[in-house]
Amino acid sequence: LTELLSQKGYDMMGVDNSPEMLEIAMEKREESGSGILYLL
């Protein structure tokens, strides 16, 4: 959802307490080039 809202043009950040979930989120960021800031 973070990526979809970024595609809408929002300046996005994401917070989660699962390093495994955030690792996948950052893989998506690398693929999309969205530049979303993720915080564990």
PDB file of all heavy atoms in Angstrom:
ATOM      1  N   LEU A   1       0.833  -1.204   0.000  1.00  0.00           N
ATOM      2  CA  LEU A   1       0.000   0.000   0.000  1.00  0.00           C
ATOM      3  C   LEU A   1       0.869   1.256   0.000  1.00  0.00           C
ATOM      4  O   LEU A   1       0.525   2.259  -0.634  1.00  0.00           O
ATOM      5  CB  LEU A   1      -0.926  -0.009   1.210  1.00  0.00           C
ATOM      6  CG  LEU A   1      -1.895   1.169   1.315  1.00  0.00           C
ATOM      7  CD1 LEU A   1      -2.852   1.207   0.127  1.00  0.00           C
ATOM      8  CD2 LEU A   1      -2.679   1.112   2.621  1.00  0.00           C
ATOM      9  N   THR A   2       1.996   1.198   0.700  1.00  0.00           N
ATOM     10  CA  THR A   2       2.909   2.343   0.739  1.00  0.00           C
ATOM     11  C   THR A   2       3.358   2.715  -0.663  1.00  0.00           C
ATOM     12  O   THR A   2       3.394   3.892  -1.038  1.00  0.00           O
ATOM     13  CB  THR A   2       4.137   2.014   1.605  1.00  0.00           C
ATOM     14  OG1 THR A   2       3.774   1.138   2.674  1.00  0.00           O
ATOM     15  CG2 THR A   2       4.752   3.279   2.181  1.00  0.00           C
ATOM     16  N   GLU A   3       3.691   1.698  -1.460  1.00  0.00           N
ATOM     17  CA  GLU A   3       4.119   1.931  -2.845  1.00  0.00           C
ATOM     18  C   GLU A   3       2.977   2.500  -3.691  1.00  0.00           C
ATOM     19  O   GLU A   3       3.185   3.405  -4.504  1.00  0.00           O
ATOM     20  CB  GLU A   3       4.627   0.624  -3.467  1.00  0.00           C
ATOM     21  CG  GLU A   3       6.003   0.192  -2.994  1.00  0.00           C
ATOM     22  CD  GLU A   3       7.127   0.981  -3.667  1.00  0.00           C
ATOM     23  OE1 GLU A   3       6.863   1.726  -4.620  1.00  0.00           O
ATOM     24  OE2 GLU A   3       8.279   0.832  -3.230  1.00  0.00           O
ATOM     25  N   LEU A   4       1.768   1.985  -3.500  1.00  0.00           N
ATOM     26  CA  LEU A   4       0.633   2.468  -4.285  1.00  0.00           C
ATOM     27  C   LEU A   4       0.346   3.940  -3.988  1.00  0.00           C
ATOM     28  O   LEU A   4       0.061   4.729  -4.897  1.00  0.00           O
ATOM     29  CB  LEU A   4      -0.604   1.622  -3.993  1.00  0.00           C
ATOM     30  CG  LEU A   4      -0.604   0.202  -4.565  1.00  0.00           C
ATOM     31  CD1 LEU A   4      -1.812  -0.578  -4.053  1.00  0.00           C
ATOM     32  CD2 LEU A   4      -0.599   0.227  -6.086  1.00  0.00           C
ATOM     33  N   LEU A   5       0.438   4.328  -2.717  1.00  0.00           N
ATOM     34  CA  LEU A   5       0.215   5.730  -2.368  1.00  0.00           C
ATOM     35  C   LEU A   5       1.354   6.602  -2.877  1.00  0.00           C
ATOM     36  O   LEU A   5       1.141   7.754  -3.267  1.00  0.00           O
ATOM     37  CB  LEU A   5       0.045   5.868  -0.860  1.00  0.00           C
ATOM     38  CG  LEU A   5      -1.295   5.357  -0.315  1.00  0.00           C
ATOM     39  CD1 LEU A   5      -1.253   5.249   1.202  1.00  0.00           C
ATOM     40  CD2 LEU A   5      -2.445   6.259  -0.744  1.00  0.00           C
ATOM     41  N   SER A   6       2.557   6.044  -2.905  1.00  0.00           N
ATOM     42  CA  SER A   6       3.688   6.772  -3.487  1.00  0.00           C
ATOM     43  C   SER A   6       3.440   7.018  -4.969  1.00  0.00           C
ATOM     44  O   SER A   6       3.735   8.098  -5.498  1.00  0.00           O
ATOM     45  CB  SER A   6       4.984   5.990  -3.282  1.00  0.00           C
ATOM     46  OG  SER A   6       6.083   6.642  -3.889  1.00  0.00           O
ATOM     47  N   GLN A   7       2.884   6.014  -5.657  1.00  0.00           N
ATOM     48  CA  GLN A   7       2.558   6.172  -7.082  1.00  0.00           C
ATOM     49  C   GLN A   7       1.480   7.237  -7.294  1.00  0.00           C
ATOM     50  O   GLN A   7       1.406   7.857  -8.370  1.00  0.00           O
ATOM     51  CB  GLN A   7       2.108   4.835  -7.662  1.00  0.00           C
ATOM     52  CG  GLN A   7       3.217   3.796  -7.755  1.00  0.00           C
ATOM     53  CD  GLN A   7       2.694   2.401  -8.078  1.00  0.00           C
ATOM     54  OE1 GLN A   7       1.596   2.248  -8.621  1.00  0.00           O
ATOM     55  NE2 GLN A   7       3.457   1.380  -7.751  1.00  0.00           N
ATOM     56  N   LYS A   8       0.647   7.459  -6.263  1.00  0.00           N
ATOM     57  CA  LYS A   8      -0.360   8.524  -6.323  1.00  0.00           C
ATOM     58  C   LYS A   8       0.282   9.906  -6.198  1.00  0.00           C
ATOM     59  O   LYS A   8      -0.373  10.920  -6.424  1.00  0.00           O
ATOM     60  CB  LYS A   8      -1.386   8.351  -5.202  1.00  0.00           C
ATOM     61  CG  LYS A   8      -2.386   7.238  -5.418  1.00  0.00           C
ATOM     62  CD  LYS A   8      -3.475   7.683  -6.370  1.00  0.00           C
ATOM     63  CE  LYS A   8      -4.589   6.652  -6.449  1.00  0.00           C
ATOM     64  NZ  LYS A   8      -5.613   7.040  -7.467  1.00  0.00           N
ATOM     65  N   GLY A   9       1.550   9.922  -5.795  1.00  0.00           N
ATOM     66  CA  GLY A   9       2.261  11.186  -5.662  1.00  0.00           C
ATOM     67  C   GLY A   9       2.516  11.622  -4.242  1.00  0.00           C
ATOM     68  O   GLY A   9       3.113  12.680  -4.007  1.00  0.00           O
ATOM     69  N   TYR A  10       2.120  10.801  -3.248  1.00  0.00           N
ATOM     70  CA  TYR A  10       2.346  11.178  -1.856  1.00  0.00           C
ATOM     71  C   TYR A  10       3.802  10.925  -1.457  1.00  0.00           C
ATOM     72  O   TYR A  10       4.417   9.970  -1.920  1.00  0.00           O
ATOM     73  CB  TYR A  10       1.412  10.404  -0.932  1.00  0.00           C
ATOM     74  CG  TYR A  10      -0.034  10.828  -1.048  1.00  0.00           C
ATOM     75  CD1 TYR A  10      -0.952  10.047  -1.756  1.00  0.00           C
ATOM     76  CD2 TYR A  10      -0.482  12.004  -0.457  1.00  0.00           C
ATOM     77  CE1 TYR A  10      -2.284  10.435  -1.867  1.00  0.00           C
ATOM     78  CE2 TYR A  10      -1.820  12.391  -0.570  1.00  0.00           C
ATOM     79  CZ  TYR A  10      -2.703  11.604  -1.278  1.00  0.00           C
ATOM     80  OH  TYR A  10      -4.018  11.996  -1.393  1.00  0.00           O
ATOM     81  N   ASP A  11       4.318  11.786  -0.598  1.00  0.00           N
ATOM     82  CA  ASP A  11       5.664  11.640  -0.044  1.00  0.00           C
ATOM     83  C   ASP A  11       5.553  10.687   1.136  1.00  0.00           C
ATOM     84  O   ASP A  11       5.092  11.067   2.220  1.00  0.00           O
ATOM     85  CB  ASP A  11       6.187  13.005   0.396  1.00  0.00           C
ATOM     86  CG  ASP A  11       7.658  12.969   0.791  1.00  0.00           C
ATOM     87  OD1 ASP A  11       8.287  11.902   0.671  1.00  0.00           O
ATOM     88  OD2 ASP A  11       8.177  14.025   1.222  1.00  0.00           O
ATOM     89  N   MET A  12       5.958   9.421   0.951  1.00  0.00           N
ATOM     90  CA  MET A  12       5.646   8.345   1.888  1.00  0.00           C
ATOM     91  C   MET A  12       6.800   7.969   2.800  1.00  0.00           C
ATOM     92  O   MET A  12       7.971   8.001   2.418  1.00  0.00           O
ATOM     93  CB  MET A  12       5.201   7.095   1.126  1.00  0.00           C
ATOM     94  CG  MET A  12       3.940   7.253   0.303  1.00  0.00           C
ATOM     95  SD  MET A  12       2.481   7.674   1.301  1.00  0.00           S
ATOM     96  CE  MET A  12       2.377   6.236   2.402  1.00  0.00           C
ATOM     97  N   MET A  13       6.437   7.566   4.024  1.00  0.00           N
ATOM     98  CA  MET A  13       7.320   6.898   4.974  1.00  0.00           C
ATOM     99  C   MET A  13       6.601   5.640   5.451  1.00  0.00           C
ATOM    100  O   MET A  13       5.364   5.579   5.406  1.00  0.00           O
ATOM    101  CB  MET A  13       7.611   7.785   6.187  1.00  0.00           C
ATOM    102  CG  MET A  13       8.272   9.107   5.889  1.00  0.00           C
ATOM    103  SD  MET A  13       8.294  10.168   7.377  1.00  0.00           S
ATOM    104  CE  MET A  13       9.160   9.096   8.546  1.00  0.00           C
ATOM    105  N   GLY A  14       7.372   4.659   5.910  1.00  0.00           N
ATOM    106  CA  GLY A  14       6.771   3.447   6.449  1.00  0.00           C
ATOM    107  C   GLY A  14       7.455   3.029   7.732  1.00  0.00           C
ATOM    108  O   GLY A  14       8.683   3.110   7.840  1.00  0.00           O
ATOM    109  N   VAL A  15       6.675   2.589   8.712  1.00  0.00           N
ATOM    110  CA  VAL A  15       7.200   2.077   9.981  1.00  0.00           C
ATOM    111  C   VAL A  15       6.644   0.683  10.206  1.00  0.00           C
ATOM    112  O   VAL A  15       5.440   0.448  10.049  1.00  0.00           O
ATOM    113  CB  VAL A  15       6.809   2.993  11.155  1.00  0.00           C
ATOM    114  CG1 VAL A  15       7.030   2.291  12.499  1.00  0.00           C
ATOM    115  CG2 VAL A  15       7.602   4.292  11.124  1.00  0.00           C
ATOM    116  N   ASP A  16       7.513  -0.254  10.563  1.00  0.00           N
ATOM    117  CA  ASP A  16       7.085  -1.610  10.908  1.00  0.00           C
ATOM    118  C   ASP A  16       8.106  -2.202  11.860  1.00  0.00           C
ATOM    119  O   ASP A  16       9.287  -1.816  11.843  1.00  0.00           O
ATOM    120  CB  ASP A  16       6.951  -2.489   9.654  1.00  0.00           C
ATOM    121  CG  ASP A  16       5.989  -3.649   9.866  1.00  0.00           C
ATOM    122  OD1 ASP A  16       6.433  -4.685  10.407  1.00  0.00           O
ATOM    123  OD2 ASP A  16       4.809  -3.526   9.515  1.00  0.00           O
ATOM    124  N   ASN A  17       7.670  -3.163  12.691  1.00  0.00           N
ATOM    125  CA  ASN A  17       8.603  -3.772  13.647  1.00  0.00           C
ATOM    126  C   ASN A  17       9.114  -5.128  13.197  1.00  0.00           C
ATOM    127  O   ASN A  17       9.777  -5.832  13.959  1.00  0.00           O
ATOM    128  CB  ASN A  17       7.948  -3.892  15.030  1.00  0.00           C
ATOM    129  CG  ASN A  17       6.875  -4.961  15.088  1.00  0.00           C
ATOM    130  OD1 ASN A  17       6.295  -5.322  14.065  1.00  0.00           O
ATOM    131  ND2 ASN A  17       6.612  -5.480  16.282  1.00  0.00           N
ATOM    132  N   SER A  18       8.826  -5.523  11.947  1.00  0.00           N
ATOM    133  CA  SER A  18       9.310  -6.795  11.415  1.00  0.00           C
ATOM    134  C   SER A  18      10.420  -6.538  10.402  1.00  0.00           C
ATOM    135  O   SER A  18      10.165  -6.020   9.312  1.00  0.00           O
ATOM    136  CB  SER A  18       8.178  -7.567  10.736  1.00  0.00           C
ATOM    137  OG  SER A  18       8.695  -8.652   9.975  1.00  0.00           O
ATOM    138  N   PRO A  19      11.660  -6.892  10.733  1.00  0.00           N
ATOM    139  CA  PRO A  19      12.744  -6.692   9.766  1.00  0.00           C
ATOM    140  C   PRO A  19      12.538  -7.498   8.488  1.00  0.00           C
ATOM    141  O   PRO A  19      12.932  -7.063   7.410  1.00  0.00           O
ATOM    142  CB  PRO A  19      13.997  -7.134  10.523  1.00  0.00           C
ATOM    143  CG  PRO A  19      13.517  -7.944  11.675  1.00  0.00           C
ATOM    144  CD  PRO A  19      12.152  -7.444  12.008  1.00  0.00           C
ATOM    145  N   GLU A  20      11.910  -8.665   8.618  1.00  0.00           N
ATOM    146  CA  GLU A  20      11.680  -9.500   7.443  1.00  0.00           C
ATOM    147  C   GLU A  20      10.686  -8.846   6.485  1.00  0.00           C
ATOM    148  O   GLU A  20      10.866  -8.880   5.264  1.00  0.00           O
ATOM    149  CB  GLU A  20      11.177 -10.883   7.866  1.00  0.00           C
ATOM    150  CG  GLU A  20      12.174 -11.714   8.640  1.00  0.00           C
ATOM    151  CD  GLU A  20      12.183 -11.416  10.132  1.00  0.00           C
ATOM    152  OE1 GLU A  20      11.370 -10.573  10.587  1.00  0.00           O
ATOM    153  OE2 GLU A  20      12.998 -12.018  10.850  1.00  0.00           O
ATOM    154  N   MET A  21       9.626  -8.243   7.028  1.00  0.00           N
ATOM    155  CA  MET A  21       8.647  -7.557   6.181  1.00  0.00           C
ATOM    156  C   MET A  21       9.275  -6.321   5.535  1.00  0.00           C
ATOM    157  O   MET A  21       9.069  -6.057   4.347  1.00  0.00           O
ATOM    158  CB  MET A  21       7.417  -7.160   7.003  1.00  0.00           C
ATOM    159  CG  MET A  21       6.672  -8.329   7.627  1.00  0.00           C
ATOM    160  SD  MET A  21       5.710  -9.318   6.452  1.00  0.00           S
ATOM    161  CE  MET A  21       4.131  -8.470   6.522  1.00  0.00           C
ATOM    162  N   LEU A  22      10.060  -5.576   6.305  1.00  0.00           N
ATOM    163  CA  LEU A  22      10.689  -4.370   5.764  1.00  0.00           C
ATOM    164  C   LEU A  22      11.735  -4.706   4.705  1.00  0.00           C
ATOM    165  O   LEU A  22      11.948  -3.925   3.772  1.00  0.00           O
ATOM    166  CB  LEU A  22      11.326  -3.556   6.887  1.00  0.00           C
ATOM    167  CG  LEU A  22      10.364  -2.744   7.758  1.00  0.00           C
ATOM    168  CD1 LEU A  22      11.144  -1.925   8.779  1.00  0.00           C
ATOM    169  CD2 LEU A  22       9.479  -1.834   6.919  1.00  0.00           C
ATOM    170  N   GLU A  23      12.375  -5.845   4.842  1.00  0.00           N
ATOM    171  CA  GLU A  23      13.343  -6.255   3.815  1.00  0.00           C
ATOM    172  C   GLU A  23      12.648  -6.391   2.459  1.00  0.00           C
ATOM    173  O   GLU A  23      13.187  -5.962   1.427  1.00  0.00           O
ATOM    174  CB  GLU A  23      13.988  -7.587   4.213  1.00  0.00           C
ATOM    175  CG  GLU A  23      15.035  -8.069   3.229  1.00  0.00           C
ATOM    176  CD  GLU A  23      15.659  -9.397   3.642  1.00  0.00           C
ATOM    177  OE1 GLU A  23      15.396  -9.857   4.772  1.00  0.00           O
ATOM    178  OE2 GLU A  23      16.394  -9.977   2.829  1.00  0.00           O
ATOM    179  N   ILE A  24      11.457  -6.962   2.467  1.00  0.00           N
ATOM    180  CA  ILE A  24      10.704  -7.104   1.216  1.00  0.00           C
ATOM    181  C   ILE A  24      10.236  -5.732   0.728  1.00  0.00           C
ATOM    182  O   ILE A  24      10.269  -5.444  -0.469  1.00  0.00           O
ATOM    183  CB  ILE A  24       9.517  -8.059   1.427  1.00  0.00           C
ATOM    184  CG1 ILE A  24      10.032  -9.458   1.783  1.00  0.00           C
ATOM    185  CG2 ILE A  24       8.640  -8.115   0.175  1.00  0.00           C
ATOM    186  CD1 ILE A  24       8.972 -10.413   2.255  1.00  0.00           C
ATOM    187  N   ALA A  25       9.801  -4.886   1.661  1.00  0.00           N
ATOM    188  CA  ALA A  25       9.383  -3.525   1.281  1.00  0.00           C
ATOM    189  C   ALA A  25      10.526  -2.780   0.606  1.00  0.00           C
ATOM    190  O   ALA A  25      10.317  -2.067  -0.390  1.00  0.00           O
ATOM    191  CB  ALA A  25       8.906  -2.766   2.515  1.00  0.00           C
ATOM    192  N   MET A  26      11.739  -2.954   1.105  1.00  0.00           N
ATOM    193  CA  MET A  26      12.883  -2.256   0.527  1.00  0.00           C
ATOM    194  C   MET A  26      13.279  -2.845  -0.825  1.00  0.00           C
ATOM    195  O   MET A  26      13.801  -2.143  -1.688  1.00  0.00           O
ATOM    196  CB  MET A  26      14.046  -2.254   1.513  1.00  0.00           C
ATOM    197  CG  MET A  26      13.785  -1.322   2.703  1.00  0.00           C
ATOM    198  SD  MET A  26      15.185  -1.109   3.831  1.00  0.00           S
ATOM    199  CE  MET A  26      15.128  -2.691   4.706  1.00  0.00           C
ATOM    200  N   GLU A  27      13.010  -4.134  -1.012  1.00  0.00           N
ATOM    201  CA  GLU A  27      13.217  -4.725  -2.339  1.00  0.00           C
ATOM    202  C   GLU A  27      12.261  -4.087  -3.351  1.00  0.00           C
ATOM    203  O   GLU A  27      12.651  -3.798  -4.490  1.00  0.00           O
ATOM    204  CB  GLU A  27      13.004  -6.241  -2.273  1.00  0.00           C
ATOM    205  CG  GLU A  27      14.093  -6.984  -1.510  1.00  0.00           C
ATOM    206  CD  GLU A  27      13.753  -8.456  -1.305  1.00  0.00           C
ATOM    207  OE1 GLU A  27      12.677  -8.897  -1.794  1.00  0.00           O
ATOM    208  OE2 GLU A  27      14.546  -9.168  -0.657  1.00  0.00           O
ATOM    209  N   LYS A  28      11.022  -3.861  -2.939  1.00  0.00           N
ATOM    210  CA  LYS A  28      10.056  -3.199  -3.814  1.00  0.00           C
ATOM    211  C   LYS A  28      10.486  -1.761  -4.098  1.00  0.00           C
ATOM    212  O   LYS A  28      10.333  -1.263  -5.224  1.00  0.00           O
ATOM    213  CB  LYS A  28       8.668  -3.216  -3.171  1.00  0.00           C
ATOM    214  CG  LYS A  28       8.058  -4.598  -3.028  1.00  0.00           C
ATOM    215  CD  LYS A  28       6.720  -4.527  -2.304  1.00  0.00           C
ATOM    216  CE  LYS A  28       6.139  -5.922  -2.098  1.00  0.00           C
ATOM    217  NZ  LYS A  28       4.873  -5.898  -1.324  1.00  0.00           N
ATOM    218  N   ARG A  29      11.012  -1.095  -3.082  1.00  0.00           N
ATOM    219  CA  ARG A  29      11.487   0.278  -3.267  1.00  0.00           C
ATOM    220  C   ARG A  29      12.619   0.334  -4.275  1.00  0.00           C
ATOM    221  O   ARG A  29      12.663   1.228  -5.127  1.00  0.00           O
ATOM    222  CB  ARG A  29      11.950   0.845  -1.928  1.00  0.00           C
ATOM    223  CG  ARG A  29      12.500   2.262  -1.996  1.00  0.00           C
ATOM    224  CD  ARG A  29      13.038   2.697  -0.659  1.00  0.00           C
ATOM    225  NE  ARG A  29      14.199   1.929  -0.258  1.00  0.00           N
ATOM    226  CZ  ARG A  29      14.797   2.037   0.923  1.00  0.00           C
ATOM    227  NH1 ARG A  29      14.316   2.870   1.838  1.00  0.00           N
ATOM    228  NH2 ARG A  29      15.859   1.308   1.221  1.00  0.00           N
ATOM    229  N   GLU A  30      13.528  -0.632  -4.189  1.00  0.00           N
ATOM    230  CA  GLU A  30      14.648  -0.660  -5.135  1.00  0.00           C
ATOM    231  C   GLU A  30      14.144  -0.874  -6.560  1.00  0.00           C
ATOM    232  O   GLU A  30      14.649  -0.261  -7.508  1.00  0.00           O
ATOM    233  CB  GLU A  30      15.625  -1.774  -4.750  1.00  0.00           C
ATOM    234  CG  GLU A  30      16.858  -1.832  -5.629  1.00  0.00           C
ATOM    235  CD  GLU A  30      17.854  -2.878  -5.147  1.00  0.00           C
ATOM    236  OE1 GLU A  30      17.631  -3.480  -4.065  1.00  0.00           O
ATOM    237  OE2 GLU A  30      18.846  -3.110  -5.855  1.00  0.00           O
ATOM    238  N   GLU A  31      13.134  -1.722  -6.701  1.00  0.00           N
ATOM    239  CA  GLU A  31      12.589  -2.006  -8.030  1.00  0.00           C
ATOM    240  C   GLU A  31      11.828  -0.805  -8.592  1.00  0.00           C
ATOM    241  O   GLU A  31      11.916  -0.504  -9.788  1.00  0.00           O
ATOM    242  CB  GLU A  31      11.663  -3.223  -7.962  1.00  0.00           C
ATOM    243  CG  GLU A  31      11.097  -3.640  -9.297  1.00  0.00           C
ATOM    244  CD  GLU A  31      10.249  -4.897  -9.205  1.00  0.00           C
ATOM    245  OE1 GLU A  31      10.355  -5.620  -8.191  1.00  0.00           O
ATOM    246  OE2 GLU A  31       9.483  -5.161 -10.151  1.00  0.00           O
ATOM    247  N   SER A  32      11.090  -0.102  -7.736  1.00  0.00           N
ATOM    248  CA  SER A  32      10.254   1.013  -8.206  1.00  0.00           C
ATOM    249  C   SER A  32      11.006   2.340  -8.257  1.00  0.00           C
ATOM    250  O   SER A  32      10.613   3.252  -8.979  1.00  0.00           O
ATOM    251  CB  SER A  32       9.033   1.177  -7.299  1.00  0.00           C
ATOM    252  OG  SER A  32       9.416   1.653  -6.014  1.00  0.00           O
ATOM    253  N   GLY A  33      12.070   2.443  -7.458  1.00  0.00           N
ATOM    254  CA  GLY A  33      12.786   3.713  -7.369  1.00  0.00           C
ATOM    255  C   GLY A  33      11.993   4.783  -6.640  1.00  0.00           C
ATOM    256  O   GLY A  33      12.214   5.977  -6.841  1.00  0.00           O
ATOM    257  N   SER A  34      11.094   4.363  -5.758  1.00  0.00           N
ATOM    258  CA  SER A  34      10.174   5.305  -5.106  1.00  0.00           C
ATOM    259  C   SER A  34      10.851   6.210  -4.079  1.00  0.00           C
ATOM    260  O   SER A  34      10.365   7.303  -3.804  1.00  0.00           O
ATOM    261  CB  SER A  34       9.043   4.533  -4.422  1.00  0.00           C
ATOM    262  OG  SER A  34       9.557   3.693  -3.409  1.00  0.00           O
ATOM    263  N   GLY A  35      11.927   5.751  -3.476  1.00  0.00           N
ATOM    264  CA  GLY A  35      12.608   6.569  -2.473  1.00  0.00           C
ATOM    265  C   GLY A  35      11.891   6.639  -1.140  1.00  0.00           C
ATOM    266  O   GLY A  35      12.163   7.528  -0.316  1.00  0.00           O
ATOM    267  N   ILE A  36      10.960   5.711  -0.862  1.00  0.00           N
ATOM    268  CA  ILE A  36      10.228   5.694   0.409  1.00  0.00           C
ATOM    269  C   ILE A  36      11.206   5.448   1.558  1.00  0.00           C
ATOM    270  O   ILE A  36      12.102   4.608   1.458  1.00  0.00           O
ATOM    271  CB  ILE A  36       9.156   4.588   0.397  1.00  0.00           C
ATOM    272  CG1 ILE A  36       8.111   4.863  -0.691  1.00  0.00           C
ATOM    273  CG2 ILE A  36       8.476   4.471   1.765  1.00  0.00           C
ATOM    274  CD1 ILE A  36       7.202   3.680  -0.980  1.00  0.00           C
ATOM    275  N   LEU A  37      11.053   6.192   2.643  1.00  0.00           N
ATOM    276  CA  LEU A  37      11.867   5.986   3.838  1.00  0.00           C
ATOM    277  C   LEU A  37      11.188   4.954   4.722  1.00  0.00           C
ATOM    278  O   LEU A  37      10.024   5.126   5.116  1.00  0.00           O
ATOM    279  CB  LEU A  37      12.026   7.298   4.617  1.00  0.00           C
ATOM    280  CG  LEU A  37      12.716   7.187   5.978  1.00  0.00           C
ATOM    281  CD1 LEU A  37      14.174   6.729   5.815  1.00  0.00           C
ATOM    282  CD2 LEU A  37      12.647   8.503   6.732  1.00  0.00           C
ATOM    283  N   TYR A  38      11.897   3.865   5.036  1.00  0.00           N
ATOM    284  CA  TYR A  38      11.369   2.842   5.928  1.00  0.00           C
ATOM    285  C   TYR A  38      12.142   2.840   7.236  1.00  0.00           C
ATOM    286  O   TYR A  38      13.374   2.939   7.243  1.00  0.00           O
ATOM    287  CB  TYR A  38      11.457   1.453   5.277  1.00  0.00           C
ATOM    288  CG  TYR A  38      10.438   1.250   4.176  1.00  0.00           C
ATOM    289  CD1 TYR A  38      10.834   1.154   2.849  1.00  0.00           C
ATOM    290  CD2 TYR A  38       9.075   1.170   4.468  1.00  0.00           C
ATOM    291  CE1 TYR A  38       9.897   0.973   1.829  1.00  0.00           C
ATOM    292  CE2 TYR A  38       8.141   0.987   3.465  1.00  0.00           C
ATOM    293  CZ  TYR A  38       8.545   0.895   2.156  1.00  0.00           C
ATOM    294  OH  TYR A  38       7.609   0.728   1.153  1.00  0.00           O
ATOM    295  N   LEU A  39      11.415   2.713   8.348  1.00  0.00           N
ATOM    296  CA  LEU A  39      12.008   2.709   9.678  1.00  0.00           C
ATOM    297  C   LEU A  39      11.591   1.438  10.417  1.00  0.00           C
ATOM    298  O   LEU A  39      10.398   1.101  10.455  1.00  0.00           O
ATOM    299  CB  LEU A  39      11.554   3.928  10.469  1.00  0.00           C
ATOM    300  CG  LEU A  39      11.905   5.299   9.882  1.00  0.00           C
ATOM    301  CD1 LEU A  39      11.245   6.404  10.704  1.00  0.00           C
ATOM    302  CD2 LEU A  39      13.406   5.495   9.812  1.00  0.00           C
ATOM    303  N   LEU A  40      12.562   0.738  10.987  1.00  0.00           N
ATOM    304  CA  LEU A  40      12.301  -0.453  11.787  1.00  0.00           C
ATOM    305  C   LEU A  40      12.049  -0.004  13.225  1.00  0.00           C
ATOM    306  O   LEU A  40      12.979   0.302  13.967  1.00  0.00           O
ATOM    307  CB  LEU A  40      13.494  -1.409  11.718  1.00  0.00           C
ATOM    308  CG  LEU A  40      13.406  -2.677  12.574  1.00  0.00           C
ATOM    309  CD1 LEU A  40      12.238  -3.555  12.151  1.00  0.00           C
ATOM    310  CD2 LEU A  40      14.719  -3.449  12.519  1.00  0.00           C
TER     311      LEU A  40
END
